[in-house]
Amino acid sequence: MTIVQRKHIVAYCLQLWGHLRPLITLCARLVQLRPHVYVTFLCSTSVFERVCKELARCFDDGAPTAEEAQRMRVIAIGDVAAASSPNAVKVFTDVWQALLREEDLTCQQTGTQYGAMPKPLAAVIDFMAIPVYEAMRSLKGDKVKIFAWVPAMQSPWFHFHGPRTRGGLGNVRAQVEDEVRRTGRTYEEIALEIGRRGSGKVIKVPGLPMMHDYENNPQDYPVPSSFYVDVFPKIHEAMEMMDGLLMASSTSYEPEAVAETKAWMRSIGRFAYVTGPLLPSTSRKVSAKFEKRQSLKPDRIQTFLDETLVADGERSLLYISFGSLYWPSSAPEKLWAFIDVVMERKIPFILGHASPLASIPNEARDKIEAYGKALLCPWTPQQLILNHPATGWLLYHGGMSGVLEAISAGIPLILWPAFADQEANAIMLSEKHRVGYELLEVRTGMGLRPICRTGYVPVGTVEAVRREARDVLARAFGADGARKRKRMGVLRRAVMGEWDAEGESRRDVCAFLDSL
C-alpha cells in the first residue's frame, strides 16, 4: 500500500484586498487539485470574515466540502493589518514557530481551536513582507521552502526587482550602502531618491515601450517613506534567496515579462510559476450570491443594474472603482469634473468608494443624487457588476486584480493610473492589447512631465480633464469602443484559457505542488 505524504502549505500576505483576493483563490485551487494538500491561510482579524466569504465563492456549492474544509483552514492570528509592522512580525513569528512544532492553533476571531498539522513543507509569503521573511529565515533548523507571492503586473515588478544584467534595478540595498560610503549621505536619503524614481532616466520595462522612470508615478500619492527605506531596497536580495516565485499574472497577458522572470529564476537555480487569472471558479450564480454578502447595498445594486438594463440597454453603464486603497485625493476636483461629463452625456454609473481616503463633498453627492442615473456605494460586488449585461465600461486605477476581473468579464477599461504597476497596466491595455483608453489629463505631480513614448506633456487642468473626458467617453460608447470590446473578447479567451486542462497556469501550479 502506498502512503501519500500530506503536503502542508502556509499562506500569508499583506492585508490589502488586491493581494489577498487572488491568494485566497489560489489556496482554494491547491486543495482542489490535490487530495493530499493542506493549506493554512493566516490573516488579520480585521479581514477574517471577508476572507471566509471570498473563499466560499471558490467552491461550487458555496462552501468547501467537509473533506476540503479539513484541508483548507483560515485562521485569524490577531490585529496584523499592517503585515510588516513590528507587532505583526512578532505575532506571525510566534504562530510560525507553533506550526513548525506541529502545535494546535486558535483563531483569534472565532476562538476555534485547530488541531496540529504536519510541519509545513512550504510557505507562500507576500513579496513585500520582507520583515516577515527575515524573521522566518532567522529560525535555526528551518528547512521549509519559502515562495514569494507576487500579486502585481509582472512587467514593472521585474524592472523594479529583477537583476541588472536583465534590465532590472538589481540589489538596491547594496547600491544604497555603496552610495552611503561614497558620499557620506544618509541611507534614508539615498533609498528615498532611488525608490521614488524622479530623475527622468529612460528605462525599458519588459513588453512595454521606453519610459521615463517618473512615469511609474503619474499621481501624487502618499506612499509611506518606510516602504522605500525598509522594504523596497531588500526585495531583490530576498527574491534571490527564496525558493521561487508565484506570479498572479498570466503569460497570455504579458508574455515577455513572464518569460524574463522565469529565465532569471532558472539562472539562479530556482523556479517561477505563473498562476493567473485567479478568480472564483464557481458558477456565476453561486459566485454572485456570496460576493453580494460583502457589499453594504447588494440588493440596491442588483436592482439598479436591472433597471439600467431596461431603461438604457446593454453595455450602457460606466462602473467607476479605484479599488480598496487608492482614491484621487491629490486632485479630487478632477474626478468630479470627469463625473460632470458622464452626467452631461446621460451615462448611468456606479461609483465605488471603498478607500479610506475617499471623500465625497456634499455638493457632489447632491448633484449625483439629483441626476437619478447613478449609485454611490462604499464596497461593491465588483464581479457581479462587471458580469451584468448593463455594464459597458470600467473606469479603474489599473491594479492587477481588477484588470484580470475586467478581462474575465470581457469589459474594456478607461484607466486612471496612480502608482506601482498601474501605469504599466494602462499602457499594456490601451496600446498593446488596445482594449482601453488611458486618461492623461488627470495626472498630478511628476505625471505632468513629458511622456517618453509620445513626447506629450499633459496640461493637467480641470478644463483639460473635461475635454479629454468628452473625447474618451464619445469614443468608448461609439464605434471605436465597439472595436475595443471585440478585441477584449479575444484577450479574454486567451487569458481564461490559462486554467484549461492544458493551460500554462494550471500546469505551473501543478508543477509547484509536485516540487514539494
Protein backbone atom coordinates (compact mmCIF):
# COMPACT_ATOMS: atom_id res chain seq x y z
CA MET A 1 0.00 0.00 0.00
CA THR A 2 1.38 3.40 -0.99
CA ILE A 3 1.27 6.10 1.69
CA VAL A 4 0.91 9.58 0.19
CA GLN A 5 2.64 12.35 2.14
CA ARG A 6 0.40 15.16 3.30
CA LYS A 7 1.69 18.45 1.91
CA HIS A 8 1.04 21.36 4.25
CA ILE A 9 1.37 24.89 2.80
CA VAL A 10 1.08 28.13 4.78
CA ALA A 11 -0.04 31.37 3.08
CA TYR A 12 0.32 34.94 4.39
CA CYS A 13 0.30 38.28 2.60
CA LEU A 14 -0.26 41.99 3.06
CA GLN A 15 -3.79 42.60 4.28
CA LEU A 16 -4.73 44.52 1.13
CA TRP A 17 -7.66 43.17 -0.87
CA GLY A 18 -5.76 43.21 -4.15
CA HIS A 19 -3.12 40.98 -2.53
CA LEU A 20 -5.50 38.82 -0.51
CA ARG A 21 -8.21 38.08 -3.03
CA PRO A 22 -6.18 36.20 -5.67
CA LEU A 23 -4.19 34.36 -2.99
CA ILE A 24 -7.44 33.09 -1.44
CA THR A 25 -8.47 31.70 -4.82
CA LEU A 26 -5.06 30.12 -5.37
CA CYS A 27 -5.20 28.37 -1.99
CA ALA A 28 -8.66 27.00 -2.75
CA ARG A 29 -7.38 25.61 -6.04
CA LEU A 30 -4.42 23.96 -4.33
CA VAL A 31 -6.70 21.81 -2.17
CA GLN A 32 -8.97 21.12 -5.15
CA LEU A 33 -6.10 20.00 -7.37
CA ARG A 34 -4.54 17.51 -4.94
CA PRO A 35 -6.37 15.49 -2.24
CA HIS A 36 -3.22 15.33 -0.09
CA VAL A 37 -2.61 19.13 0.02
CA TYR A 38 -3.45 21.07 3.20
CA VAL A 39 -3.42 24.88 3.41
CA THR A 40 -3.32 27.18 6.43
CA PHE A 41 -4.28 30.72 5.40
CA LEU A 42 -3.23 33.26 8.05
CA CYS A 43 -4.86 36.68 8.16
CA SER A 44 -5.76 39.62 10.36
CA THR A 45 -8.91 39.66 12.47
CA SER A 46 -9.98 42.76 10.51
CA VAL A 47 -10.35 40.85 7.23
CA PHE A 48 -11.21 37.39 8.55
CA GLU A 49 -14.93 37.45 7.71
CA ARG A 50 -14.35 38.88 4.25
CA VAL A 51 -11.68 36.26 3.55
CA CYS A 52 -14.08 33.47 4.56
CA LYS A 53 -16.84 34.88 2.32
CA GLU A 54 -14.43 35.14 -0.60
CA LEU A 55 -13.23 31.58 -0.01
CA ALA A 56 -16.84 30.35 -0.18
CA ARG A 57 -17.08 31.71 -3.74
CA CYS A 58 -14.30 29.36 -4.86
CA PHE A 59 -16.37 26.19 -4.40
CA ASP A 60 -19.30 25.02 -6.50
CA ASP A 61 -21.70 24.65 -3.57
CA GLY A 62 -20.76 27.98 -1.98
CA ALA A 63 -18.54 26.27 0.59
CA PRO A 64 -15.85 23.60 0.66
CA THR A 65 -16.97 20.04 1.27
CA ALA A 66 -16.40 18.66 4.77
CA GLU A 67 -13.28 16.94 3.49
CA GLU A 68 -11.99 20.10 1.76
CA ALA A 69 -12.73 22.18 4.87
CA GLN A 70 -10.44 19.88 6.85
CA ARG A 71 -7.66 20.73 4.41
CA MET A 72 -8.33 24.47 3.93
CA ARG A 73 -8.09 26.44 7.20
CA VAL A 74 -8.48 30.20 7.53
CA ILE A 75 -7.08 31.36 10.87
CA ALA A 76 -7.06 34.92 12.20
CA ILE A 77 -3.84 35.44 14.15
CA GLY A 78 -4.63 38.88 15.60
CA ASP A 79 -4.63 42.51 14.57
CA VAL A 80 -1.96 42.33 11.88
CA ALA A 81 -3.47 44.65 9.28
CA ALA A 82 -0.05 46.22 8.70
CA ALA A 83 1.53 42.87 7.83
CA SER A 84 5.15 44.04 8.20
CA SER A 85 4.78 46.12 11.37
CA PRO A 86 6.93 45.03 14.36
CA ASN A 87 3.84 43.75 16.20
CA ALA A 88 2.62 41.82 13.16
CA VAL A 89 6.06 40.26 12.65
CA LYS A 90 6.17 39.13 16.28
CA VAL A 91 2.65 37.69 16.09
CA PHE A 92 3.44 35.87 12.85
CA THR A 93 6.74 34.56 14.21
CA ASP A 94 5.02 33.07 17.27
CA VAL A 95 2.42 31.38 15.04
CA TRP A 96 5.10 30.19 12.62
CA GLN A 97 7.07 28.58 15.43
CA ALA A 98 3.92 26.81 16.63
CA LEU A 99 3.38 25.47 13.10
CA LEU A 100 6.97 24.22 12.96
CA ARG A 101 6.46 22.46 16.31
CA GLU A 102 3.21 20.95 14.96
CA GLU A 103 1.12 22.52 17.73
CA ASP A 104 -2.56 23.47 17.85
CA LEU A 105 -3.61 26.96 16.73
CA THR A 106 -6.51 29.09 17.95
CA CYS A 107 -8.34 31.53 15.67
CA GLN A 108 -8.30 34.94 17.36
CA GLN A 109 -11.58 35.92 15.69
CA THR A 110 -13.78 32.90 16.43
CA GLY A 111 -11.95 31.17 19.27
CA THR A 112 -11.94 27.92 17.27
CA GLN A 113 -9.04 25.62 18.13
CA TYR A 114 -7.44 23.86 15.17
CA GLY A 115 -5.61 20.60 15.68
CA ALA A 116 -1.96 20.04 14.89
CA MET A 117 -0.91 19.66 11.26
CA PRO A 118 2.29 18.18 9.82
CA LYS A 119 5.18 20.63 9.70
CA PRO A 120 4.76 22.88 6.64
CA LEU A 121 6.66 21.92 3.52
CA ALA A 122 6.23 25.39 2.01
CA ALA A 123 5.16 28.92 2.81
CA VAL A 124 3.81 31.47 0.33
CA ILE A 125 4.69 34.95 1.62
CA ASP A 126 3.90 38.35 0.09
CA PHE A 127 7.00 39.68 -1.68
CA MET A 128 6.59 42.97 0.23
CA ALA A 129 6.51 41.29 3.66
CA ILE A 130 10.29 41.45 3.94
CA PRO A 131 10.43 41.67 7.78
CA VAL A 132 8.27 38.53 7.98
CA TYR A 133 10.57 36.72 5.56
CA GLU A 134 13.65 37.79 7.52
CA ALA A 135 12.10 36.53 10.75
CA MET A 136 11.31 33.16 9.15
CA ARG A 137 14.85 32.76 7.84
CA SER A 138 16.34 33.63 11.23
CA LEU A 139 14.86 30.50 12.83
CA LYS A 140 17.62 27.91 13.03
CA GLY A 141 16.92 24.50 11.57
CA ASP A 142 14.04 25.75 9.47
CA LYS A 143 14.14 23.90 6.12
CA VAL A 144 10.71 24.92 4.88
CA LYS A 145 10.66 26.18 1.29
CA ILE A 146 9.61 29.82 1.06
CA PHE A 147 7.99 31.20 -2.11
CA ALA A 148 7.32 34.85 -2.86
CA TRP A 149 3.73 35.82 -3.68
CA VAL A 150 3.70 38.47 -6.46
CA PRO A 151 0.12 39.80 -6.92
CA ALA A 152 1.23 42.56 -9.32
CA MET A 153 1.72 43.05 -13.02
CA GLN A 154 4.99 41.30 -13.78
CA SER A 155 6.46 43.84 -16.25
CA PRO A 156 7.13 46.73 -13.83
CA TRP A 157 7.75 44.28 -10.97
CA PHE A 158 10.59 42.70 -12.94
CA HIS A 159 12.07 46.11 -13.72
CA PHE A 160 11.93 47.20 -10.06
CA HIS A 161 13.30 43.98 -8.59
CA GLY A 162 14.96 41.96 -11.35
CA PRO A 163 18.74 41.66 -11.91
CA ARG A 164 20.70 44.48 -13.51
CA THR A 165 22.04 42.04 -16.11
CA ARG A 166 18.47 41.73 -17.42
CA GLY A 167 17.46 45.38 -17.15
CA GLY A 168 16.22 45.44 -13.56
CA LEU A 169 17.39 47.66 -10.73
CA GLY A 170 19.23 44.78 -9.07
CA ASN A 171 20.29 44.77 -5.42
CA VAL A 172 19.13 48.22 -4.33
CA ARG A 173 20.24 47.71 -0.73
CA ALA A 174 23.84 47.14 -1.81
CA GLN A 175 23.68 50.14 -4.15
CA VAL A 176 22.38 52.39 -1.37
CA GLU A 177 25.10 51.24 1.03
CA ASP A 178 27.80 51.83 -1.62
CA GLU A 179 26.47 55.35 -2.17
CA VAL A 180 26.43 56.00 1.58
CA ARG A 181 30.12 55.04 1.79
CA ARG A 182 30.99 57.08 -1.30
CA THR A 183 29.15 60.30 -0.45
CA GLY A 184 28.53 60.27 3.31
CA ARG A 185 24.82 60.90 2.74
CA THR A 186 22.29 59.03 4.84
CA TYR A 187 20.86 55.63 3.92
CA GLU A 188 17.32 57.01 4.15
CA GLU A 189 18.04 59.92 1.81
CA ILE A 190 19.54 57.74 -0.90
CA ALA A 191 16.91 54.98 -0.58
CA LEU A 192 14.12 57.53 -0.99
CA GLU A 193 15.86 59.03 -4.02
CA ILE A 194 16.16 55.65 -5.76
CA GLY A 195 12.73 54.41 -4.72
CA ARG A 196 10.73 57.44 -5.78
CA ARG A 197 12.35 57.41 -9.24
CA GLY A 198 12.11 61.01 -10.42
CA SER A 199 15.41 61.54 -12.27
CA GLY A 200 13.98 61.35 -15.79
CA LYS A 201 16.15 58.37 -16.75
CA VAL A 202 14.77 56.37 -19.68
CA ILE A 203 14.02 52.76 -18.71
CA LYS A 204 12.95 49.59 -20.53
CA VAL A 205 10.20 47.55 -18.93
CA PRO A 206 9.68 44.08 -20.45
CA GLY A 207 6.97 44.10 -23.11
CA LEU A 208 6.38 47.88 -22.95
CA PRO A 209 7.71 50.92 -24.83
CA MET A 210 10.55 53.00 -23.39
CA MET A 211 9.51 55.10 -20.37
CA HIS A 212 10.94 57.79 -18.11
CA ASP A 213 11.39 56.47 -14.59
CA TYR A 214 8.97 59.06 -13.19
CA GLU A 215 6.16 57.76 -15.41
CA ASN A 216 5.58 54.92 -12.96
CA ASN A 217 4.14 57.55 -10.58
CA PRO A 218 1.59 59.53 -12.61
CA GLN A 219 -0.21 60.71 -9.45
CA ASP A 220 0.95 62.25 -6.19
CA TYR A 221 0.22 59.53 -3.67
CA PRO A 222 1.34 59.25 -0.02
CA VAL A 223 3.37 56.02 -0.20
CA PRO A 224 4.99 55.74 3.27
CA SER A 225 8.69 56.56 3.36
CA SER A 226 9.24 53.40 5.39
CA PHE A 227 8.43 51.30 2.30
CA TYR A 228 11.22 52.89 0.29
CA VAL A 229 13.67 52.69 3.20
CA ASP A 230 12.89 49.39 4.94
CA VAL A 231 11.28 47.20 2.26
CA PHE A 232 11.99 48.26 -1.34
CA PRO A 233 15.83 48.06 -1.16
CA LYS A 234 15.71 44.48 0.15
CA ILE A 235 13.26 42.87 -2.27
CA HIS A 236 15.72 41.82 -5.00
CA GLU A 237 18.03 40.23 -2.45
CA ALA A 238 15.14 38.39 -0.80
CA MET A 239 13.87 37.10 -4.16
CA GLU A 240 17.24 35.53 -4.94
CA MET A 241 17.28 33.82 -1.53
CA MET A 242 13.74 32.47 -1.70
CA ASP A 243 12.98 29.07 -3.22
CA GLY A 244 10.87 30.55 -6.00
CA LEU A 245 8.05 32.89 -7.04
CA LEU A 246 4.32 32.53 -7.62
CA MET A 247 3.06 35.17 -10.09
CA ALA A 248 -0.60 36.24 -10.14
CA SER A 249 -0.31 37.38 -13.76
CA SER A 250 -0.67 35.24 -16.89
CA THR A 251 1.52 34.51 -19.89
CA SER A 252 -1.16 35.44 -22.40
CA TYR A 253 -1.44 38.90 -20.83
CA GLU A 254 2.27 39.77 -20.60
CA PRO A 255 4.42 37.03 -22.19
CA GLU A 256 7.70 38.96 -22.24
CA ALA A 257 7.76 39.73 -18.52
CA VAL A 258 6.72 36.21 -17.50
CA ALA A 259 9.47 34.76 -19.70
CA GLU A 260 12.07 37.16 -18.26
CA THR A 261 11.10 36.30 -14.69
CA LYS A 262 11.26 32.56 -15.34
CA ALA A 263 14.66 32.93 -17.04
CA TRP A 264 16.01 34.91 -14.07
CA MET A 265 14.85 32.31 -11.58
CA ARG A 266 16.28 29.45 -13.69
CA SER A 267 19.64 31.23 -13.86
CA ILE A 268 19.95 31.05 -10.07
CA GLY A 269 18.58 27.53 -9.69
CA ARG A 270 15.04 28.49 -8.71
CA PHE A 271 11.60 28.45 -10.29
CA ALA A 272 8.90 30.99 -11.08
CA TYR A 273 5.35 29.73 -11.54
CA VAL A 274 2.56 31.66 -13.29
CA THR A 275 -0.87 31.28 -11.65
CA GLY A 276 -3.28 33.81 -13.17
CA PRO A 277 -6.04 34.59 -13.67
CA LEU A 278 -7.13 33.79 -10.12
CA LEU A 279 -10.86 34.35 -9.98
CA PRO A 280 -13.56 32.30 -8.24
CA SER A 281 -14.04 29.13 -10.25
CA THR A 282 -17.66 28.51 -9.31
CA SER A 283 -20.79 29.15 -11.36
CA ARG A 284 -21.68 32.83 -11.76
CA LYS A 285 -24.88 32.30 -9.75
CA VAL A 286 -23.07 30.93 -6.69
CA SER A 287 -20.20 33.40 -7.04
CA ALA A 288 -22.53 36.40 -7.26
CA LYS A 289 -24.57 35.23 -4.26
CA PHE A 290 -21.55 35.13 -1.98
CA GLU A 291 -19.93 38.27 -3.39
CA LYS A 292 -23.12 40.25 -2.68
CA ARG A 293 -22.72 39.40 1.01
CA GLN A 294 -19.59 41.57 1.05
CA SER A 295 -21.45 44.70 -0.11
CA LEU A 296 -23.41 47.12 2.05
CA LYS A 297 -26.08 47.62 -0.66
CA PRO A 298 -26.28 44.31 -2.59
CA ASP A 299 -30.00 44.36 -3.36
CA ARG A 300 -29.95 48.04 -4.29
CA ILE A 301 -27.05 47.44 -6.68
CA GLN A 302 -28.79 44.47 -8.32
CA THR A 303 -32.00 46.49 -8.74
CA PHE A 304 -30.12 49.47 -10.13
CA LEU A 305 -28.34 47.29 -12.70
CA ASP A 306 -31.57 45.63 -13.75
CA GLU A 307 -33.37 48.95 -14.07
CA THR A 308 -30.49 50.42 -16.07
CA LEU A 309 -30.61 47.48 -18.46
CA VAL A 310 -34.31 48.14 -19.11
CA ALA A 311 -34.02 51.92 -19.35
CA ASP A 312 -30.70 52.36 -21.19
CA GLY A 313 -29.92 48.99 -22.72
CA GLU A 314 -26.98 46.62 -22.78
CA ARG A 315 -23.45 47.94 -22.18
CA SER A 316 -24.78 51.39 -21.24
CA LEU A 317 -23.37 51.69 -17.70
CA LEU A 318 -19.99 53.01 -16.58
CA TYR A 319 -18.66 51.36 -13.41
CA ILE A 320 -16.14 53.55 -11.55
CA SER A 321 -13.84 51.97 -8.99
CA PHE A 322 -10.41 52.86 -7.62
CA GLY A 323 -10.01 49.71 -5.55
CA SER A 324 -9.88 49.32 -1.78
CA LEU A 325 -6.89 51.61 -1.20
CA TYR A 326 -6.45 54.35 -3.82
CA TRP A 327 -8.54 57.49 -4.25
CA PRO A 328 -7.59 60.54 -6.40
CA SER A 329 -7.23 62.64 -3.27
CA SER A 330 -4.40 64.86 -4.55
CA ALA A 331 -6.77 66.48 -7.07
CA PRO A 332 -10.34 65.35 -6.30
CA GLU A 333 -11.75 68.17 -8.42
CA LYS A 334 -10.61 66.19 -11.48
CA LEU A 335 -12.81 63.25 -10.51
CA TRP A 336 -15.88 65.47 -10.08
CA ALA A 337 -15.11 67.18 -13.41
CA PHE A 338 -14.99 63.78 -15.12
CA ILE A 339 -18.26 62.74 -13.48
CA ASP A 340 -19.85 66.03 -14.59
CA VAL A 341 -19.13 64.97 -18.18
CA VAL A 342 -20.52 61.49 -17.53
CA MET A 343 -23.77 63.09 -16.38
CA GLU A 344 -23.68 65.59 -19.25
CA ARG A 345 -23.69 62.62 -21.64
CA LYS A 346 -26.56 60.94 -19.71
CA ILE A 347 -24.45 57.84 -18.95
CA PRO A 348 -25.66 55.79 -15.95
CA PHE A 349 -22.89 54.93 -13.50
CA ILE A 350 -21.96 53.26 -10.21
CA LEU A 351 -19.19 54.86 -8.14
CA GLY A 352 -17.48 52.60 -5.61
CA HIS A 353 -15.60 54.41 -2.85
CA ALA A 354 -14.04 51.77 -0.59
CA SER A 355 -10.75 53.61 0.04
CA PRO A 356 -10.22 55.12 3.50
CA LEU A 357 -9.08 58.23 1.62
CA ALA A 358 -12.38 58.58 -0.23
CA SER A 359 -14.36 61.73 0.44
CA ILE A 360 -17.49 62.84 -1.41
CA PRO A 361 -18.33 66.53 -0.91
CA ASN A 362 -21.95 67.35 -0.16
CA GLU A 363 -22.20 69.37 -3.36
CA ALA A 364 -21.06 66.42 -5.48
CA ARG A 365 -23.31 63.99 -3.60
CA ASP A 366 -26.34 66.24 -4.06
CA LYS A 367 -25.64 66.65 -7.77
CA ILE A 368 -25.24 62.87 -8.27
CA GLU A 369 -28.42 62.07 -6.34
CA ALA A 370 -30.36 64.67 -8.34
CA TYR A 371 -29.03 63.13 -11.56
CA GLY A 372 -31.07 59.99 -10.88
CA LYS A 373 -28.99 57.61 -13.02
CA ALA A 374 -26.20 56.91 -10.55
CA LEU A 375 -25.44 54.93 -7.41
CA LEU A 376 -22.79 55.55 -4.74
CA CYS A 377 -21.57 52.57 -2.72
CA PRO A 378 -18.55 52.18 -0.42
CA TRP A 379 -17.96 48.48 -1.16
CA THR A 380 -19.28 46.99 -4.39
CA PRO A 381 -19.63 43.38 -5.58
CA GLN A 382 -17.28 44.03 -8.47
CA GLN A 383 -17.58 40.80 -10.40
CA LEU A 384 -21.37 40.92 -10.15
CA ILE A 385 -21.34 44.41 -11.67
CA LEU A 386 -18.80 43.56 -14.37
CA ASN A 387 -20.72 40.47 -15.45
CA HIS A 388 -24.10 42.22 -15.66
CA PRO A 389 -25.27 42.91 -19.25
CA ALA A 390 -25.94 46.57 -18.39
CA THR A 391 -22.25 47.25 -17.73
CA GLY A 392 -20.28 48.60 -20.64
CA TRP A 393 -17.04 50.07 -19.29
CA LEU A 394 -14.88 50.10 -16.17
CA LEU A 395 -13.10 53.28 -15.07
CA TYR A 396 -10.30 51.93 -12.90
CA HIS A 397 -6.87 52.77 -11.47
CA GLY A 398 -5.25 49.76 -13.13
CA GLY A 399 -4.36 47.39 -10.26
CA MET A 400 -3.72 43.82 -11.41
CA SER A 401 -6.59 42.15 -9.56
CA GLY A 402 -9.29 44.35 -11.07
CA VAL A 403 -7.70 44.26 -14.52
CA LEU A 404 -8.00 40.47 -14.58
CA GLU A 405 -11.59 40.69 -13.29
CA ALA A 406 -12.47 43.05 -16.15
CA ILE A 407 -10.78 40.82 -18.71
CA SER A 408 -12.64 37.78 -17.37
CA ALA A 409 -15.94 39.63 -17.87
CA GLY A 410 -14.96 40.97 -21.30
CA ILE A 411 -15.30 44.60 -20.11
CA PRO A 412 -12.95 47.19 -21.68
CA LEU A 413 -11.36 49.80 -19.42
CA ILE A 414 -10.73 53.51 -19.04
CA LEU A 415 -7.55 53.80 -16.96
CA TRP A 416 -6.71 56.39 -14.30
CA PRO A 417 -3.36 55.01 -13.04
CA ALA A 418 -1.66 56.28 -9.88
CA PHE A 419 1.43 54.29 -8.81
CA ALA A 420 3.03 50.81 -8.57
CA ASP A 421 2.07 48.61 -11.56
CA GLN A 422 -0.92 50.71 -12.61
CA GLU A 423 0.73 52.84 -15.30
CA ALA A 424 2.26 49.75 -16.90
CA ASN A 425 -1.15 48.09 -16.95
CA ALA A 426 -2.64 51.22 -18.51
CA ILE A 427 -0.09 51.15 -21.33
CA MET A 428 -0.47 47.39 -21.82
CA LEU A 429 -4.26 47.63 -22.08
CA SER A 430 -4.52 50.82 -24.13
CA GLU A 431 -1.56 50.42 -26.51
CA LYS A 432 -0.52 46.78 -26.72
CA HIS A 433 -3.82 44.92 -26.36
CA ARG A 434 -5.85 48.00 -27.46
CA VAL A 435 -8.79 47.22 -25.20
CA GLY A 436 -8.99 50.51 -23.34
CA TYR A 437 -8.07 54.18 -23.01
CA GLU A 438 -5.59 55.82 -20.65
CA LEU A 439 -6.54 59.20 -19.18
CA LEU A 440 -3.61 61.64 -19.24
CA GLU A 441 -5.02 64.97 -18.09
CA VAL A 442 -5.99 63.53 -14.68
CA ARG A 443 -2.29 63.28 -13.79
CA THR A 444 -0.68 65.25 -10.97
CA GLY A 445 2.87 65.80 -9.69
CA MET A 446 5.54 64.00 -11.72
CA GLY A 447 2.79 62.77 -14.02
CA LEU A 448 2.65 66.22 -15.60
CA ARG A 449 6.15 65.81 -17.06
CA PRO A 450 6.75 64.65 -20.69
CA ILE A 451 5.59 61.18 -21.73
CA CYS A 452 8.53 59.31 -23.26
CA ARG A 453 6.69 57.31 -25.93
CA THR A 454 4.90 60.36 -27.41
CA GLY A 455 6.61 63.48 -26.08
CA TYR A 456 3.22 64.83 -24.97
CA VAL A 457 3.12 66.93 -21.80
CA PRO A 458 -0.28 66.73 -20.04
CA VAL A 459 -1.90 70.10 -19.34
CA GLY A 460 -3.47 68.82 -16.14
CA THR A 461 -6.14 71.49 -15.67
CA VAL A 462 -9.77 70.77 -14.80
CA GLU A 463 -10.84 72.08 -18.19
CA ALA A 464 -8.34 69.74 -19.89
CA VAL A 465 -9.89 66.86 -17.92
CA ARG A 466 -13.33 67.84 -19.20
CA ARG A 467 -12.13 67.95 -22.82
CA GLU A 468 -10.44 64.55 -22.51
CA ALA A 469 -13.48 63.05 -20.78
CA ARG A 470 -15.77 64.19 -23.59
CA ASP A 471 -13.42 62.73 -26.20
CA VAL A 472 -12.81 59.39 -24.43
CA LEU A 473 -16.45 58.80 -23.49
CA ALA A 474 -17.64 59.60 -27.02
CA ARG A 475 -15.20 57.05 -28.44
CA ALA A 476 -15.83 54.45 -25.73
CA PHE A 477 -19.59 54.43 -26.28
CA GLY A 478 -19.19 54.61 -30.06
CA ALA A 479 -17.68 52.62 -32.93
CA ASP A 480 -14.12 52.70 -31.57
CA GLY A 481 -15.33 51.33 -28.25
CA ALA A 482 -17.11 48.51 -30.05
CA ARG A 483 -13.84 47.54 -31.73
CA LYS A 484 -12.07 47.54 -28.37
CA ARG A 485 -14.80 45.37 -26.88
CA LYS A 486 -14.34 42.86 -29.70
CA ARG A 487 -10.58 42.72 -29.08
CA MET A 488 -11.28 42.29 -25.36
CA GLY A 489 -13.25 39.16 -26.23
CA VAL A 490 -10.16 37.72 -27.92
CA LEU A 491 -7.95 38.63 -24.96
CA ARG A 492 -10.50 37.17 -22.55
CA ARG A 493 -10.46 33.79 -24.28
CA ALA A 494 -6.66 33.67 -24.20
CA VAL A 495 -6.32 34.71 -20.54
CA MET A 496 -9.13 32.49 -19.25
CA GLY A 497 -7.65 29.56 -21.18
CA GLU A 498 -4.61 29.60 -18.88
CA TRP A 499 -6.58 27.41 -16.43
CA ASP A 500 -7.88 24.95 -19.04
CA ALA A 501 -6.60 21.38 -18.88
CA GLU A 502 -3.54 22.29 -20.98
CA GLY A 503 -3.24 25.91 -19.84
CA GLU A 504 0.12 27.17 -18.63
CA SER A 505 -1.12 28.44 -15.27
CA ARG A 506 -2.73 25.11 -14.43
CA ARG A 507 0.44 23.25 -15.47
CA ASP A 508 2.64 25.60 -13.44
CA VAL A 509 0.55 25.32 -10.27
CA CYS A 510 0.57 21.53 -10.55
CA ALA A 511 4.35 21.64 -11.07
CA PHE A 512 4.68 23.79 -7.93
CA LEU A 513 2.75 21.22 -5.89
CA ASP A 514 4.73 18.33 -7.35
CA SER A 515 8.01 20.06 -6.42
CA LEU A 516 7.23 19.96 -2.69
